[in-house]
Amino acid sequence: MTALLRRVAPLAGPALRLTWNGQPIAAQPGDTVLTALLLAGDRLRTTLGADAPRAGFCLMGACQDCWVQLAGGQRLRACSTLAEDGMALVDTLPGACP
């Protein structure tokens, strides 16, 4: 899968280690969860029934499109939540992308 985003500046320090649906992904301090997910893949999930890619909509915490969960069940907005080392993220919605 080709990443939707790419970094245009060198990495600023040690990477944060996260998982998305059990798959390892990396982030940098200051990245949002959505940034980490889109650097790792080409979408957050697919539209139910249409198989169209979805990658967040408003990117400012207003639209409800980027909700994900921590493995423990806590829901968070991927676009406005800073990535933290060790986060285990899951998407329980149909169409989630690894």
PDB file of N, CA and C in Angstrom:
ATOM      1  N   MET A   1       0.842  -1.166   0.000  1.00  0.00           N
ATOM      2  CA  MET A   1       0.000   0.000   0.000  1.00  0.00           C
ATOM      3  C   MET A   1       0.898   1.243   0.000  1.00  0.00           C
ATOM      4  N   THR A   2       0.627   2.189  -0.853  1.00  0.00           N
ATOM      5  CA  THR A   2       1.393   3.423  -0.930  1.00  0.00           C
ATOM      6  C   THR A   2       0.830   4.437   0.061  1.00  0.00           C
ATOM      7  N   ALA A   3       1.710   5.088   0.782  1.00  0.00           N
ATOM      8  CA  ALA A   3       1.271   6.069   1.773  1.00  0.00           C
ATOM      9  C   ALA A   3       0.622   7.263   1.094  1.00  0.00           C
ATOM     10  N   LEU A   4      -0.396   7.833   1.720  1.00  0.00           N
ATOM     11  CA  LEU A   4      -1.076   9.011   1.200  1.00  0.00           C
ATOM     12  C   LEU A   4      -0.240  10.268   1.424  1.00  0.00           C
ATOM     13  N   LEU A   5       0.452  10.332   2.557  1.00  0.00           N
ATOM     14  CA  LEU A   5       1.292  11.475   2.879  1.00  0.00           C
ATOM     15  C   LEU A   5       2.759  11.079   2.810  1.00  0.00           C
ATOM     16  N   ARG A   6       3.625  12.076   2.704  1.00  0.00           N
ATOM     17  CA  ARG A   6       5.065  11.818   2.803  1.00  0.00           C
ATOM     18  C   ARG A   6       5.692  12.989   3.537  1.00  0.00           C
ATOM     19  N   ARG A   7       6.785  12.718   4.230  1.00  0.00           N
ATOM     20  CA  ARG A   7       7.500  13.766   4.949  1.00  0.00           C
ATOM     21  C   ARG A   7       8.370  14.543   3.970  1.00  0.00           C
ATOM     22  N   VAL A   8       8.421  15.855   4.153  1.00  0.00           N
ATOM     23  CA  VAL A   8       9.256  16.684   3.283  1.00  0.00           C
ATOM     24  C   VAL A   8      10.489  17.198   4.009  1.00  0.00           C
ATOM     25  N   ALA A   9      10.602  16.901   5.293  1.00  0.00           N
ATOM     26  CA  ALA A   9      11.769  17.297   6.080  1.00  0.00           C
ATOM     27  C   ALA A   9      12.319  16.065   6.787  1.00  0.00           C
ATOM     28  N   PRO A  10      13.590  16.072   7.111  1.00  0.00           N
ATOM     29  CA  PRO A  10      14.171  14.924   7.825  1.00  0.00           C
ATOM     30  C   PRO A  10      13.463  14.689   9.165  1.00  0.00           C
ATOM     31  N   LEU A  11      13.483  13.446   9.606  1.00  0.00           N
ATOM     32  CA  LEU A  11      12.888  13.102  10.898  1.00  0.00           C
ATOM     33  C   LEU A  11      13.630  13.824  12.012  1.00  0.00           C
ATOM     34  N   ALA A  12      12.884  14.243  13.023  1.00  0.00           N
ATOM     35  CA  ALA A  12      13.442  15.104  14.069  1.00  0.00           C
ATOM     36  C   ALA A  12      13.915  14.360  15.305  1.00  0.00           C
ATOM     37  N   GLY A  13      13.795  13.086  15.366  1.00  0.00           N
ATOM     38  CA  GLY A  13      14.203  12.369  16.565  1.00  0.00           C
ATOM     39  C   GLY A  13      13.763  10.928  16.488  1.00  0.00           C
ATOM     40  N   PRO A  14      13.838  10.235  17.609  1.00  0.00           N
ATOM     41  CA  PRO A  14      13.453   8.826  17.595  1.00  0.00           C
ATOM     42  C   PRO A  14      11.963   8.659  17.308  1.00  0.00           C
ATOM     43  N   ALA A  15      11.653   7.659  16.529  1.00  0.00           N
ATOM     44  CA  ALA A  15      10.266   7.398  16.155  1.00  0.00           C
ATOM     45  C   ALA A  15       9.474   6.858  17.334  1.00  0.00           C
ATOM     46  N   LEU A  16       8.193   7.183  17.344  1.00  0.00           N
ATOM     47  CA  LEU A  16       7.241   6.582  18.278  1.00  0.00           C
ATOM     48  C   LEU A  16       6.747   5.296  17.633  1.00  0.00           C
ATOM     49  N   ARG A  17       6.548   4.268  18.429  1.00  0.00           N
ATOM     50  CA  ARG A  17       6.062   2.991  17.919  1.00  0.00           C
ATOM     51  C   ARG A  17       4.595   2.825  18.290  1.00  0.00           C
ATOM     52  N   LEU A  18       3.750   2.618  17.283  1.00  0.00           N
ATOM     53  CA  LEU A  18       2.330   2.414  17.466  1.00  0.00           C
ATOM     54  C   LEU A  18       1.930   1.154  16.708  1.00  0.00           C
ATOM     55  N   THR A  19       0.726   0.669  16.952  1.00  0.00           N
ATOM     56  CA  THR A  19       0.165  -0.386  16.112  1.00  0.00           C
ATOM     57  C   THR A  19      -1.212   0.044  15.648  1.00  0.00           C
ATOM     58  N   TRP A  20      -1.570  -0.391  14.448  1.00  0.00           N
ATOM     59  CA  TRP A  20      -2.884  -0.125  13.857  1.00  0.00           C
ATOM     60  C   TRP A  20      -3.450  -1.469  13.426  1.00  0.00           C
ATOM     61  N   ASN A  21      -4.512  -1.894  14.093  1.00  0.00           N
ATOM     62  CA  ASN A  21      -5.107  -3.204  13.841  1.00  0.00           C
ATOM     63  C   ASN A  21      -4.041  -4.307  13.874  1.00  0.00           C
ATOM     64  N   GLY A  22      -3.116  -4.183  14.839  1.00  0.00           N
ATOM     65  CA  GLY A  22      -2.083  -5.184  15.049  1.00  0.00           C
ATOM     66  C   GLY A  22      -0.829  -5.011  14.205  1.00  0.00           C
ATOM     67  N   GLN A  23      -0.843  -4.088  13.248  1.00  0.00           N
ATOM     68  CA  GLN A  23       0.304  -3.870  12.370  1.00  0.00           C
ATOM     69  C   GLN A  23       1.142  -2.707  12.896  1.00  0.00           C
ATOM     70  N   PRO A  24       2.468  -2.845  12.930  1.00  0.00           N
ATOM     71  CA  PRO A  24       3.294  -1.752  13.437  1.00  0.00           C
ATOM     72  C   PRO A  24       3.319  -0.566  12.475  1.00  0.00           C
ATOM     73  N   ILE A  25       3.249   0.639  13.045  1.00  0.00           N
ATOM     74  CA  ILE A  25       3.436   1.876  12.293  1.00  0.00           C
ATOM     75  C   ILE A  25       4.309   2.791  13.147  1.00  0.00           C
ATOM     76  N   ALA A  26       4.862   3.809  12.534  1.00  0.00           N
ATOM     77  CA  ALA A  26       5.738   4.738  13.253  1.00  0.00           C
ATOM     78  C   ALA A  26       5.169   6.142  13.162  1.00  0.00           C
ATOM     79  N   ALA A  27       5.549   6.967  14.119  1.00  0.00           N
ATOM     80  CA  ALA A  27       5.171   8.377  14.140  1.00  0.00           C
ATOM     81  C   ALA A  27       6.334   9.159  14.713  1.00  0.00           C
ATOM     82  N   GLN A  28       6.279  10.447  14.570  1.00  0.00           N
ATOM     83  CA  GLN A  28       7.262  11.344  15.164  1.00  0.00           C
ATOM     84  C   GLN A  28       6.573  12.149  16.259  1.00  0.00           C
ATOM     85  N   PRO A  29       7.313  12.571  17.271  1.00  0.00           N
ATOM     86  CA  PRO A  29       6.714  13.446  18.275  1.00  0.00           C
ATOM     87  C   PRO A  29       6.076  14.654  17.580  1.00  0.00           C
ATOM     88  N   GLY A  30       4.856  14.966  17.959  1.00  0.00           N
ATOM     89  CA  GLY A  30       4.116  16.070  17.352  1.00  0.00           C
ATOM     90  C   GLY A  30       3.158  15.637  16.262  1.00  0.00           C
ATOM     91  N   ASP A  31       3.288  14.393  15.757  1.00  0.00           N
ATOM     92  CA  ASP A  31       2.340  13.875  14.767  1.00  0.00           C
ATOM     93  C   ASP A  31       1.005  13.590  15.436  1.00  0.00           C
ATOM     94  N   THR A  32      -0.084  13.806  14.713  1.00  0.00           N
ATOM     95  CA  THR A  32      -1.374  13.321  15.181  1.00  0.00           C
ATOM     96  C   THR A  32      -1.484  11.844  14.818  1.00  0.00           C
ATOM     97  N   VAL A  33      -2.439  11.181  15.414  1.00  0.00           N
ATOM     98  CA  VAL A  33      -2.686   9.778  15.078  1.00  0.00           C
ATOM     99  C   VAL A  33      -3.020   9.664  13.591  1.00  0.00           C
ATOM    100  N   LEU A  34      -3.835  10.576  13.062  1.00  0.00           N
ATOM    101  CA  LEU A  34      -4.199  10.508  11.648  1.00  0.00           C
ATOM    102  C   LEU A  34      -2.976  10.692  10.750  1.00  0.00           C
ATOM    103  N   THR A  35      -2.072  11.598  11.106  1.00  0.00           N
ATOM    104  CA  THR A  35      -0.841  11.768  10.342  1.00  0.00           C
ATOM    105  C   THR A  35      -0.069  10.462  10.297  1.00  0.00           C
ATOM    106  N   ALA A  36       0.084   9.801  11.436  1.00  0.00           N
ATOM    107  CA  ALA A  36       0.803   8.525  11.480  1.00  0.00           C
ATOM    108  C   ALA A  36       0.113   7.479  10.606  1.00  0.00           C
ATOM    109  N   LEU A  37      -1.209   7.415  10.672  1.00  0.00           N
ATOM    110  CA  LEU A  37      -1.936   6.429   9.877  1.00  0.00           C
ATOM    111  C   LEU A  37      -1.803   6.698   8.380  1.00  0.00           C
ATOM    112  N   LEU A  38      -1.846   7.963   7.973  1.00  0.00           N
ATOM    113  CA  LEU A  38      -1.766   8.287   6.550  1.00  0.00           C
ATOM    114  C   LEU A  38      -0.332   8.246   6.020  1.00  0.00           C
ATOM    115  N   LEU A  39       0.654   8.380   6.910  1.00  0.00           N
ATOM    116  CA  LEU A  39       2.039   8.154   6.497  1.00  0.00           C
ATOM    117  C   LEU A  39       2.308   6.669   6.290  1.00  0.00           C
ATOM    118  N   ALA A  40       1.532   5.825   6.960  1.00  0.00           N
ATOM    119  CA  ALA A  40       1.721   4.378   6.864  1.00  0.00           C
ATOM    120  C   ALA A  40       0.899   3.739   5.744  1.00  0.00           C
ATOM    121  N   GLY A  41      -0.159   4.404   5.288  1.00  0.00           N
ATOM    122  CA  GLY A  41      -1.022   3.800   4.280  1.00  0.00           C
ATOM    123  C   GLY A  41      -1.756   4.836   3.460  1.00  0.00           C
ATOM    124  N   ASP A  42      -2.573   4.357   2.541  1.00  0.00           N
ATOM    125  CA  ASP A  42      -3.233   5.265   1.611  1.00  0.00           C
ATOM    126  C   ASP A  42      -4.648   5.658   2.009  1.00  0.00           C
ATOM    127  N   ARG A  43      -5.101   5.235   3.187  1.00  0.00           N
ATOM    128  CA  ARG A  43      -6.463   5.558   3.632  1.00  0.00           C
ATOM    129  C   ARG A  43      -6.613   5.199   5.099  1.00  0.00           C
ATOM    130  N   LEU A  44      -7.631   5.728   5.717  1.00  0.00           N
ATOM    131  CA  LEU A  44      -7.982   5.343   7.078  1.00  0.00           C
ATOM    132  C   LEU A  44      -8.904   4.126   7.031  1.00  0.00           C
ATOM    133  N   ARG A  45      -9.882   4.189   6.148  1.00  0.00           N
ATOM    134  CA  ARG A  45     -10.837   3.084   5.948  1.00  0.00           C
ATOM    135  C   ARG A  45     -11.488   3.275   4.601  1.00  0.00           C
ATOM    136  N   THR A  46     -12.384   2.378   4.234  1.00  0.00           N
ATOM    137  CA  THR A  46     -13.141   2.544   2.993  1.00  0.00           C
ATOM    138  C   THR A  46     -14.602   2.825   3.321  1.00  0.00           C
ATOM    139  N   THR A  47     -15.271   3.513   2.421  1.00  0.00           N
ATOM    140  CA  THR A  47     -16.684   3.822   2.593  1.00  0.00           C
ATOM    141  C   THR A  47     -17.485   2.532   2.548  1.00  0.00           C
ATOM    142  N   LEU A  48     -18.352   2.369   3.506  1.00  0.00           N
ATOM    143  CA  LEU A  48     -19.179   1.173   3.594  1.00  0.00           C
ATOM    144  C   LEU A  48     -20.022   1.023   2.327  1.00  0.00           C
ATOM    145  N   GLY A  49     -19.914  -0.099   1.663  1.00  0.00           N
ATOM    146  CA  GLY A  49     -20.718  -0.390   0.491  1.00  0.00           C
ATOM    147  C   GLY A  49     -20.163   0.125  -0.820  1.00  0.00           C
ATOM    148  N   ALA A  50     -19.268   1.111  -0.791  1.00  0.00           N
ATOM    149  CA  ALA A  50     -18.761   1.688  -2.033  1.00  0.00           C
ATOM    150  C   ALA A  50     -17.286   1.382  -2.255  1.00  0.00           C
ATOM    151  N   ASP A  51     -16.590   0.915  -1.233  1.00  0.00           N
ATOM    152  CA  ASP A  51     -15.164   0.606  -1.297  1.00  0.00           C
ATOM    153  C   ASP A  51     -14.325   1.806  -1.750  1.00  0.00           C
ATOM    154  N   ALA A  52     -14.803   3.012  -1.450  1.00  0.00           N
ATOM    155  CA  ALA A  52     -14.058   4.229  -1.779  1.00  0.00           C
ATOM    156  C   ALA A  52     -13.171   4.602  -0.592  1.00  0.00           C
ATOM    157  N   PRO A  53     -11.952   5.071  -0.852  1.00  0.00           N
ATOM    158  CA  PRO A  53     -11.040   5.407   0.250  1.00  0.00           C
ATOM    159  C   PRO A  53     -11.521   6.590   1.070  1.00  0.00           C
ATOM    160  N   ARG A  54     -11.314   6.514   2.387  1.00  0.00           N
ATOM    161  CA  ARG A  54     -11.644   7.600   3.312  1.00  0.00           C
ATOM    162  C   ARG A  54     -10.391   7.895   4.118  1.00  0.00           C
ATOM    163  N   ALA A  55     -10.074   9.171   4.282  1.00  0.00           N
ATOM    164  CA  ALA A  55      -8.843   9.542   4.982  1.00  0.00           C
ATOM    165  C   ALA A  55      -9.076  10.670   5.971  1.00  0.00           C
ATOM    166  N   GLY A  56     -10.236  10.759   6.547  1.00  0.00           N
ATOM    167  CA  GLY A  56     -10.582  11.925   7.351  1.00  0.00           C
ATOM    168  C   GLY A  56     -11.184  12.961   6.421  1.00  0.00           C
ATOM    169  N   PHE A  57     -12.011  13.830   6.945  1.00  0.00           N
ATOM    170  CA  PHE A  57     -12.699  14.784   6.079  1.00  0.00           C
ATOM    171  C   PHE A  57     -12.311  16.219   6.411  1.00  0.00           C
ATOM    172  N   CYS A  58     -12.614  16.656   7.626  1.00  0.00           N
ATOM    173  CA  CYS A  58     -12.388  18.069   7.959  1.00  0.00           C
ATOM    174  C   CYS A  58     -10.985  18.326   8.508  1.00  0.00           C
ATOM    175  N   LEU A  59     -10.372  17.317   9.102  1.00  0.00           N
ATOM    176  CA  LEU A  59      -9.031  17.389   9.695  1.00  0.00           C
ATOM    177  C   LEU A  59      -8.928  18.410  10.817  1.00  0.00           C
ATOM    178  N   MET A  60     -10.059  18.768  11.434  1.00  0.00           N
ATOM    179  CA  MET A  60     -10.030  19.705  12.559  1.00  0.00           C
ATOM    180  C   MET A  60     -10.953  19.284  13.698  1.00  0.00           C
ATOM    181  N   GLY A  61     -11.416  18.038  13.697  1.00  0.00           N
ATOM    182  CA  GLY A  61     -12.183  17.510  14.817  1.00  0.00           C
ATOM    183  C   GLY A  61     -13.662  17.812  14.816  1.00  0.00           C
ATOM    184  N   ALA A  62     -14.239  18.155  13.667  1.00  0.00           N
ATOM    185  CA  ALA A  62     -15.656  18.505  13.633  1.00  0.00           C
ATOM    186  C   ALA A  62     -16.545  17.490  12.927  1.00  0.00           C
ATOM    187  N   CYS A  63     -16.002  16.634  12.070  1.00  0.00           N
ATOM    188  CA  CYS A  63     -16.861  15.861  11.165  1.00  0.00           C
ATOM    189  C   CYS A  63     -17.175  14.433  11.600  1.00  0.00           C
ATOM    190  N   GLN A  64     -16.512  13.879  12.575  1.00  0.00           N
ATOM    191  CA  GLN A  64     -16.756  12.507  13.044  1.00  0.00           C
ATOM    192  C   GLN A  64     -16.196  11.427  12.116  1.00  0.00           C
ATOM    193  N   ASP A  65     -15.409  11.780  11.109  1.00  0.00           N
ATOM    194  CA  ASP A  65     -14.950  10.798  10.125  1.00  0.00           C
ATOM    195  C   ASP A  65     -13.721  10.013  10.561  1.00  0.00           C
ATOM    196  N   CYS A  66     -12.964  10.499  11.516  1.00  0.00           N
ATOM    197  CA  CYS A  66     -11.675   9.859  11.835  1.00  0.00           C
ATOM    198  C   CYS A  66     -11.646   9.173  13.204  1.00  0.00           C
ATOM    199  N   TRP A  67     -12.793   8.872  13.780  1.00  0.00           N
ATOM    200  CA  TRP A  67     -12.796   8.190  15.075  1.00  0.00           C
ATOM    201  C   TRP A  67     -12.114   6.834  14.957  1.00  0.00           C
ATOM    202  N   VAL A  68     -11.240   6.548  15.900  1.00  0.00           N
ATOM    203  CA  VAL A  68     -10.607   5.238  16.046  1.00  0.00           C
ATOM    204  C   VAL A  68     -10.669   4.885  17.526  1.00  0.00           C
ATOM    205  N   GLN A  69     -10.214   3.710  17.870  1.00  0.00           N
ATOM    206  CA  GLN A  69     -10.216   3.284  19.266  1.00  0.00           C
ATOM    207  C   GLN A  69      -8.831   2.826  19.677  1.00  0.00           C
ATOM    208  N   LEU A  70      -8.556   2.998  20.962  1.00  0.00           N
ATOM    209  CA  LEU A  70      -7.411   2.327  21.561  1.00  0.00           C
ATOM    210  C   LEU A  70      -7.829   0.890  21.813  1.00  0.00           C
ATOM    211  N   ALA A  71      -6.875  -0.004  21.916  1.00  0.00           N
ATOM    212  CA  ALA A  71      -7.188  -1.418  22.124  1.00  0.00           C
ATOM    213  C   ALA A  71      -8.055  -1.625  23.361  1.00  0.00           C
ATOM    214  N   GLY A  72      -7.954  -0.743  24.351  1.00  0.00           N
ATOM    215  CA  GLY A  72      -8.767  -0.844  25.556  1.00  0.00           C
ATOM    216  C   GLY A  72     -10.189  -0.347  25.388  1.00  0.00           C
ATOM    217  N   GLY A  73     -10.532   0.213  24.217  1.00  0.00           N
ATOM    218  CA  GLY A  73     -11.895   0.634  23.937  1.00  0.00           C
ATOM    219  C   GLY A  73     -12.126   2.137  23.942  1.00  0.00           C
ATOM    220  N   GLN A  74     -11.181   2.930  24.431  1.00  0.00           N
ATOM    221  CA  GLN A  74     -11.358   4.383  24.458  1.00  0.00           C
ATOM    222  C   GLN A  74     -11.364   4.926  23.035  1.00  0.00           C
ATOM    223  N   ARG A  75     -12.395   5.711  22.686  1.00  0.00           N
ATOM    224  CA  ARG A  75     -12.492   6.314  21.355  1.00  0.00           C
ATOM    225  C   ARG A  75     -11.731   7.629  21.324  1.00  0.00           C
ATOM    226  N   LEU A  76     -11.139   7.941  20.176  1.00  0.00           N
ATOM    227  CA  LEU A  76     -10.443   9.214  20.023  1.00  0.00           C
ATOM    228  C   LEU A  76     -10.522   9.672  18.577  1.00  0.00           C
ATOM    229  N   ARG A  77     -10.402  10.977  18.413  1.00  0.00           N
ATOM    230  CA  ARG A  77     -10.365  11.559  17.069  1.00  0.00           C
ATOM    231  C   ARG A  77      -8.919  11.503  16.577  1.00  0.00           C
ATOM    232  N   ALA A  78      -8.699  10.784  15.514  1.00  0.00           N
ATOM    233  CA  ALA A  78      -7.337  10.613  15.008  1.00  0.00           C
ATOM    234  C   ALA A  78      -6.741  11.926  14.522  1.00  0.00           C
ATOM    235  N   CYS A  79      -7.576  12.852  14.045  1.00  0.00           N
ATOM    236  CA  CYS A  79      -7.045  14.092  13.473  1.00  0.00           C
ATOM    237  C   CYS A  79      -6.589  15.097  14.519  1.00  0.00           C
ATOM    238  N   SER A  80      -7.045  14.957  15.748  1.00  0.00           N
ATOM    239  CA  SER A  80      -6.694  15.953  16.762  1.00  0.00           C
ATOM    240  C   SER A  80      -6.044  15.355  18.006  1.00  0.00           C
ATOM    241  N   THR A  81      -5.682  14.082  17.957  1.00  0.00           N
ATOM    242  CA  THR A  81      -5.027  13.415  19.073  1.00  0.00           C
ATOM    243  C   THR A  81      -3.563  13.178  18.726  1.00  0.00           C
ATOM    244  N   LEU A  82      -2.661  13.651  19.579  1.00  0.00           N
ATOM    245  CA  LEU A  82      -1.239  13.435  19.331  1.00  0.00           C
ATOM    246  C   LEU A  82      -0.877  11.971  19.531  1.00  0.00           C
ATOM    247  N   ALA A  83      -0.058  11.449  18.638  1.00  0.00           N
ATOM    248  CA  ALA A  83       0.429  10.076  18.752  1.00  0.00           C
ATOM    249  C   ALA A  83       1.324   9.952  19.977  1.00  0.00           C
ATOM    250  N   GLU A  84       1.224   8.826  20.660  1.00  0.00           N
ATOM    251  CA  GLU A  84       2.058   8.530  21.825  1.00  0.00           C
ATOM    252  C   GLU A  84       2.714   7.172  21.627  1.00  0.00           C
ATOM    253  N   ASP A  85       3.946   7.056  22.101  1.00  0.00           N
ATOM    254  CA  ASP A  85       4.662   5.793  21.982  1.00  0.00           C
ATOM    255  C   ASP A  85       3.865   4.678  22.655  1.00  0.00           C
ATOM    256  N   GLY A  86       3.736   3.559  21.972  1.00  0.00           N
ATOM    257  CA  GLY A  86       3.061   2.394  22.531  1.00  0.00           C
ATOM    258  C   GLY A  86       1.564   2.335  22.279  1.00  0.00           C
ATOM    259  N   MET A  87       0.979   3.333  21.619  1.00  0.00           N
ATOM    260  CA  MET A  87      -0.462   3.300  21.352  1.00  0.00           C
ATOM    261  C   MET A  87      -0.808   2.065  20.522  1.00  0.00           C
ATOM    262  N   ALA A  88      -1.839   1.358  20.957  1.00  0.00           N
ATOM    263  CA  ALA A  88      -2.382   0.237  20.192  1.00  0.00           C
ATOM    264  C   ALA A  88      -3.745   0.683  19.690  1.00  0.00           C
ATOM    265  N   LEU A  89      -3.814   1.026  18.405  1.00  0.00           N
ATOM    266  CA  LEU A  89      -5.011   1.591  17.790  1.00  0.00           C
ATOM    267  C   LEU A  89      -5.748   0.529  17.000  1.00  0.00           C
ATOM    268  N   VAL A  90      -7.075   0.576  17.042  1.00  0.00           N
ATOM    269  CA  VAL A  90      -7.895  -0.355  16.275  1.00  0.00           C
ATOM    270  C   VAL A  90      -9.044   0.411  15.653  1.00  0.00           C
ATOM    271  N   ASP A  91      -9.543  -0.119  14.560  1.00  0.00           N
ATOM    272  CA  ASP A  91     -10.731   0.432  13.925  1.00  0.00           C
ATOM    273  C   ASP A  91     -11.755  -0.689  13.868  1.00  0.00           C
ATOM    274  N   THR A  92     -12.826  -0.530  14.585  1.00  0.00           N
ATOM    275  CA  THR A  92     -13.831  -1.567  14.634  1.00  0.00           C
ATOM    276  C   THR A  92     -14.909  -1.375  13.573  1.00  0.00           C
ATOM    277  N   LEU A  93     -14.800  -0.327  12.757  1.00  0.00           N
ATOM    278  CA  LEU A  93     -15.767  -0.100  11.692  1.00  0.00           C
ATOM    279  C   LEU A  93     -15.457  -0.991  10.501  1.00  0.00           C
ATOM    280  N   PRO A  94     -16.478  -1.440   9.776  1.00  0.00           N
ATOM    281  CA  PRO A  94     -16.215  -2.206   8.552  1.00  0.00           C
ATOM    282  C   PRO A  94     -15.408  -1.356   7.580  1.00  0.00           C
ATOM    283  N   GLY A  95     -14.527  -1.988   6.835  1.00  0.00           N
ATOM    284  CA  GLY A  95     -13.748  -1.285   5.840  1.00  0.00           C
ATOM    285  C   GLY A  95     -12.438  -0.737   6.365  1.00  0.00           C
ATOM    286  N   ALA A  96     -12.074  -1.076   7.608  1.00  0.00           N
ATOM    287  CA  ALA A  96     -10.808  -0.592   8.160  1.00  0.00           C
ATOM    288  C   ALA A  96      -9.647  -1.148   7.355  1.00  0.00           C
ATOM    289  N   CYS A  97      -8.664  -0.317   7.144  1.00  0.00           N
ATOM    290  CA  CYS A  97      -7.476  -0.726   6.390  1.00  0.00           C
ATOM    291  C   CYS A  97      -6.338  -1.034   7.351  1.00  0.00           C
ATOM    292  N   PRO A  98      -5.564  -2.076   7.069  1.00  0.00           N
ATOM    293  CA  PRO A  98      -4.440  -2.400   7.949  1.00  0.00           C
ATOM    294  C   PRO A  98      -3.310  -1.397   7.805  1.00  0.00           C
TER     295      PRO A  98
END
